[in-house]
Amino acid sequence: MLLAQPVAAQPLCDDVEAFSADGWQLDPVQDAMDKYLRDHRMRANWRQQPAPPDQIGRDYYEWLWHSDFGATMKAELMQRFCGSASEPVP
């Protein structure tokens, strides 16, 4: 299930690489992450994770953005906020 079409105005994703690395810090992205988790009924079980965010000094959203657990969510949000610019070039 895709979230939505790319957002019309793209001030959040001028630089795809920077957005990929640090997009989790933006309030609209965090809101979209929360919505994605609710819509997909996803919950992180820290006991099953190798290093919970508090143990490695990461913010919850940063951990979700960079973890394997949140990889599909990140891909969908990259597509939503960055459009086709986020797709890898063959």
N, C-alpha and C. Protein backbone atom coordinates (compact mmCIF):
# COMPACT_ATOMS: atom_id res chain seq x y z
N MET A 1 0.84 -1.17 0.00
CA MET A 1 0.00 0.00 0.00
C MET A 1 0.89 1.24 0.00
N LEU A 2 0.80 2.03 -1.02
CA LEU A 2 1.57 3.26 -1.08
C LEU A 2 0.87 4.34 -0.28
N LEU A 3 1.66 5.22 0.31
CA LEU A 3 1.08 6.26 1.16
C LEU A 3 0.30 7.28 0.36
N ALA A 4 0.94 7.88 -0.61
CA ALA A 4 0.29 8.91 -1.41
C ALA A 4 1.23 9.27 -2.55
N GLN A 5 0.75 10.08 -3.43
CA GLN A 5 1.60 10.59 -4.50
C GLN A 5 2.60 11.57 -3.90
N PRO A 6 3.70 11.84 -4.61
CA PRO A 6 4.67 12.80 -4.08
C PRO A 6 4.01 14.13 -3.76
N VAL A 7 4.47 14.74 -2.70
CA VAL A 7 3.95 16.03 -2.27
C VAL A 7 4.24 17.06 -3.35
N ALA A 8 3.28 17.95 -3.63
CA ALA A 8 3.40 18.90 -4.74
C ALA A 8 4.63 19.79 -4.60
N ALA A 9 4.74 20.52 -3.51
CA ALA A 9 5.91 21.37 -3.29
C ALA A 9 6.94 20.54 -2.54
N GLN A 10 8.18 20.55 -3.01
CA GLN A 10 9.19 19.67 -2.45
C GLN A 10 10.32 20.39 -1.72
N PRO A 11 10.03 21.34 -0.83
CA PRO A 11 11.13 22.00 -0.15
C PRO A 11 11.87 21.07 0.80
N LEU A 12 11.25 19.96 1.19
CA LEU A 12 11.88 19.02 2.11
C LEU A 12 12.92 18.15 1.44
N CYS A 13 12.85 18.01 0.13
CA CYS A 13 13.70 17.04 -0.55
C CYS A 13 14.47 17.68 -1.70
N ASP A 14 15.11 18.79 -1.45
CA ASP A 14 15.94 19.41 -2.49
C ASP A 14 17.16 18.55 -2.80
N ASP A 15 17.70 17.90 -1.78
CA ASP A 15 18.89 17.06 -1.92
C ASP A 15 18.51 15.65 -1.45
N VAL A 16 18.38 14.72 -2.39
CA VAL A 16 17.90 13.37 -2.07
C VAL A 16 18.85 12.66 -1.11
N GLU A 17 20.15 12.81 -1.30
CA GLU A 17 21.10 12.13 -0.41
C GLU A 17 21.00 12.67 1.01
N ALA A 18 20.89 13.98 1.15
CA ALA A 18 20.75 14.58 2.48
C ALA A 18 19.44 14.15 3.12
N PHE A 19 18.37 14.10 2.32
CA PHE A 19 17.07 13.68 2.84
C PHE A 19 17.14 12.22 3.28
N SER A 20 17.81 11.39 2.50
CA SER A 20 17.95 9.99 2.84
C SER A 20 18.69 9.80 4.16
N ALA A 21 19.67 10.65 4.40
CA ALA A 21 20.46 10.55 5.63
C ALA A 21 19.76 11.18 6.83
N ASP A 22 19.12 12.32 6.62
CA ASP A 22 18.63 13.11 7.76
C ASP A 22 17.16 13.49 7.69
N GLY A 23 16.41 12.93 6.76
CA GLY A 23 15.00 13.29 6.62
C GLY A 23 14.18 13.00 7.86
N TRP A 24 14.61 12.04 8.65
CA TRP A 24 13.89 11.67 9.86
C TRP A 24 13.78 12.84 10.85
N GLN A 25 14.63 13.85 10.72
CA GLN A 25 14.63 14.98 11.65
C GLN A 25 13.49 15.97 11.39
N LEU A 26 12.87 15.91 10.24
CA LEU A 26 11.85 16.88 9.84
C LEU A 26 10.48 16.50 10.43
N ASP A 27 9.79 17.49 10.98
CA ASP A 27 8.48 17.23 11.60
C ASP A 27 7.48 16.57 10.66
N PRO A 28 7.35 17.03 9.39
CA PRO A 28 6.39 16.36 8.50
C PRO A 28 6.76 14.89 8.25
N VAL A 29 8.04 14.59 8.24
CA VAL A 29 8.48 13.20 8.03
C VAL A 29 8.18 12.38 9.28
N GLN A 30 8.43 12.93 10.45
CA GLN A 30 8.11 12.22 11.69
C GLN A 30 6.61 11.97 11.79
N ASP A 31 5.80 12.94 11.39
CA ASP A 31 4.35 12.75 11.38
C ASP A 31 3.96 11.63 10.42
N ALA A 32 4.60 11.60 9.25
CA ALA A 32 4.32 10.56 8.26
C ALA A 32 4.79 9.19 8.77
N MET A 33 5.90 9.17 9.49
CA MET A 33 6.39 7.91 10.07
C MET A 33 5.39 7.38 11.10
N ASP A 34 4.90 8.28 11.96
CA ASP A 34 3.90 7.87 12.96
C ASP A 34 2.65 7.31 12.29
N LYS A 35 2.19 7.99 11.25
CA LYS A 35 1.00 7.55 10.53
C LYS A 35 1.24 6.19 9.87
N TYR A 36 2.40 6.01 9.26
CA TYR A 36 2.74 4.74 8.62
C TYR A 36 2.69 3.60 9.65
N LEU A 37 3.32 3.83 10.79
CA LEU A 37 3.34 2.79 11.82
C LEU A 37 1.93 2.46 12.30
N ARG A 38 1.10 3.49 12.49
CA ARG A 38 -0.30 3.25 12.89
C ARG A 38 -1.06 2.50 11.80
N ASP A 39 -0.93 2.96 10.57
CA ASP A 39 -1.67 2.34 9.46
C ASP A 39 -1.28 0.89 9.24
N HIS A 40 -0.02 0.57 9.49
CA HIS A 40 0.46 -0.79 9.27
C HIS A 40 0.51 -1.60 10.57
N ARG A 41 0.04 -0.97 11.64
CA ARG A 41 0.00 -1.61 12.96
C ARG A 41 1.35 -2.22 13.32
N MET A 42 2.38 -1.43 13.08
CA MET A 42 3.74 -1.88 13.38
C MET A 42 4.13 -1.39 14.78
N ARG A 43 4.78 -2.26 15.52
CA ARG A 43 5.31 -1.89 16.83
C ARG A 43 6.71 -2.48 16.94
N ALA A 44 7.61 -1.68 17.42
CA ALA A 44 8.97 -2.16 17.62
C ALA A 44 9.06 -2.84 18.98
N ASN A 45 9.62 -4.02 19.00
CA ASN A 45 9.88 -4.73 20.24
C ASN A 45 11.38 -4.62 20.48
N TRP A 46 11.76 -3.73 21.39
CA TRP A 46 13.18 -3.46 21.60
C TRP A 46 13.95 -4.70 22.02
N ARG A 47 13.31 -5.64 22.67
CA ARG A 47 14.02 -6.85 23.11
C ARG A 47 14.47 -7.70 21.94
N GLN A 48 13.82 -7.54 20.80
CA GLN A 48 14.19 -8.31 19.62
C GLN A 48 15.21 -7.58 18.75
N GLN A 49 15.53 -6.36 19.12
CA GLN A 49 16.46 -5.57 18.31
C GLN A 49 17.86 -5.68 18.90
N PRO A 50 18.88 -5.69 18.05
CA PRO A 50 20.25 -5.84 18.54
C PRO A 50 20.70 -4.66 19.41
N ALA A 51 20.26 -3.46 19.10
CA ALA A 51 20.68 -2.29 19.87
C ALA A 51 19.56 -1.24 19.85
N PRO A 52 18.74 -1.21 20.88
CA PRO A 52 17.69 -0.19 20.93
C PRO A 52 18.29 1.21 20.85
N PRO A 53 17.52 2.18 20.38
CA PRO A 53 18.06 3.52 20.16
C PRO A 53 18.67 4.15 21.40
N ASP A 54 18.09 3.89 22.58
CA ASP A 54 18.64 4.52 23.78
C ASP A 54 20.01 3.96 24.13
N GLN A 55 20.34 2.78 23.64
CA GLN A 55 21.64 2.18 23.92
C GLN A 55 22.72 2.66 22.97
N ILE A 56 22.33 3.22 21.86
CA ILE A 56 23.32 3.69 20.90
C ILE A 56 23.24 5.20 20.70
N GLY A 57 22.50 5.88 21.57
CA GLY A 57 22.42 7.33 21.51
C GLY A 57 21.60 7.88 20.36
N ARG A 58 20.73 7.08 19.82
CA ARG A 58 19.92 7.54 18.69
C ARG A 58 18.52 7.90 19.13
N ASP A 59 17.97 8.84 18.44
CA ASP A 59 16.58 9.21 18.58
C ASP A 59 15.73 8.07 18.02
N TYR A 60 14.53 7.90 18.55
CA TYR A 60 13.61 6.87 18.08
C TYR A 60 13.39 6.96 16.58
N TYR A 61 13.15 8.18 16.07
CA TYR A 61 12.90 8.34 14.64
C TYR A 61 14.15 8.05 13.81
N GLU A 62 15.30 8.42 14.33
CA GLU A 62 16.54 8.12 13.61
C GLU A 62 16.73 6.62 13.51
N TRP A 63 16.49 5.92 14.62
CA TRP A 63 16.62 4.47 14.60
C TRP A 63 15.67 3.85 13.59
N LEU A 64 14.40 4.29 13.60
CA LEU A 64 13.43 3.75 12.64
C LEU A 64 13.87 4.03 11.20
N TRP A 65 14.38 5.22 10.96
CA TRP A 65 14.77 5.65 9.61
C TRP A 65 15.91 4.81 9.06
N HIS A 66 16.84 4.41 9.94
CA HIS A 66 18.04 3.71 9.47
C HIS A 66 18.04 2.21 9.74
N SER A 67 17.06 1.70 10.47
CA SER A 67 17.05 0.28 10.83
C SER A 67 16.42 -0.57 9.73
N ASP A 68 16.72 -1.86 9.78
CA ASP A 68 16.07 -2.80 8.87
C ASP A 68 14.57 -2.84 9.13
N PHE A 69 14.18 -2.66 10.39
CA PHE A 69 12.77 -2.68 10.77
C PHE A 69 11.97 -1.64 9.99
N GLY A 70 12.56 -0.46 9.77
CA GLY A 70 11.86 0.63 9.10
C GLY A 70 12.21 0.81 7.63
N ALA A 71 12.91 -0.14 7.03
CA ALA A 71 13.40 0.02 5.66
C ALA A 71 12.28 0.23 4.64
N THR A 72 11.22 -0.55 4.73
CA THR A 72 10.11 -0.41 3.78
C THR A 72 9.41 0.92 3.97
N MET A 73 9.23 1.32 5.23
CA MET A 73 8.62 2.61 5.52
C MET A 73 9.47 3.73 4.93
N LYS A 74 10.78 3.67 5.13
CA LYS A 74 11.66 4.72 4.61
C LYS A 74 11.56 4.79 3.09
N ALA A 75 11.55 3.64 2.43
CA ALA A 75 11.45 3.62 0.96
C ALA A 75 10.16 4.29 0.50
N GLU A 76 9.05 4.00 1.17
CA GLU A 76 7.78 4.61 0.78
C GLU A 76 7.77 6.11 1.06
N LEU A 77 8.36 6.53 2.18
CA LEU A 77 8.39 7.95 2.49
C LEU A 77 9.36 8.70 1.58
N MET A 78 10.45 8.06 1.20
CA MET A 78 11.37 8.67 0.23
C MET A 78 10.63 8.91 -1.08
N GLN A 79 9.85 7.92 -1.52
CA GLN A 79 9.07 8.06 -2.75
C GLN A 79 8.04 9.17 -2.61
N ARG A 80 7.41 9.23 -1.45
CA ARG A 80 6.37 10.25 -1.23
C ARG A 80 6.95 11.66 -1.23
N PHE A 81 8.03 11.87 -0.51
CA PHE A 81 8.58 13.22 -0.37
C PHE A 81 9.53 13.60 -1.49
N CYS A 82 10.19 12.62 -2.11
CA CYS A 82 11.19 12.94 -3.15
C CYS A 82 10.76 12.52 -4.54
N GLY A 83 9.70 11.73 -4.66
CA GLY A 83 9.24 11.28 -5.96
C GLY A 83 10.25 10.38 -6.65
N SER A 84 10.29 10.44 -7.96
CA SER A 84 11.16 9.55 -8.73
C SER A 84 12.64 9.85 -8.52
N ALA A 85 12.96 11.02 -7.98
CA ALA A 85 14.36 11.35 -7.71
C ALA A 85 14.96 10.42 -6.67
N SER A 86 14.11 9.76 -5.87
CA SER A 86 14.62 8.88 -4.82
C SER A 86 14.94 7.48 -5.32
N GLU A 87 14.53 7.16 -6.55
CA GLU A 87 14.77 5.83 -7.08
C GLU A 87 16.21 5.69 -7.54
N PRO A 88 16.83 4.55 -7.23
CA PRO A 88 18.22 4.35 -7.65
C PRO A 88 18.35 4.31 -9.17
N VAL A 89 19.44 4.82 -9.66
CA VAL A 89 19.70 4.82 -11.09
C VAL A 89 20.43 3.53 -11.44
N PRO A 90 19.93 2.76 -12.45
CA PRO A 90 20.57 1.48 -12.80
C PRO A 90 21.95 1.67 -13.39
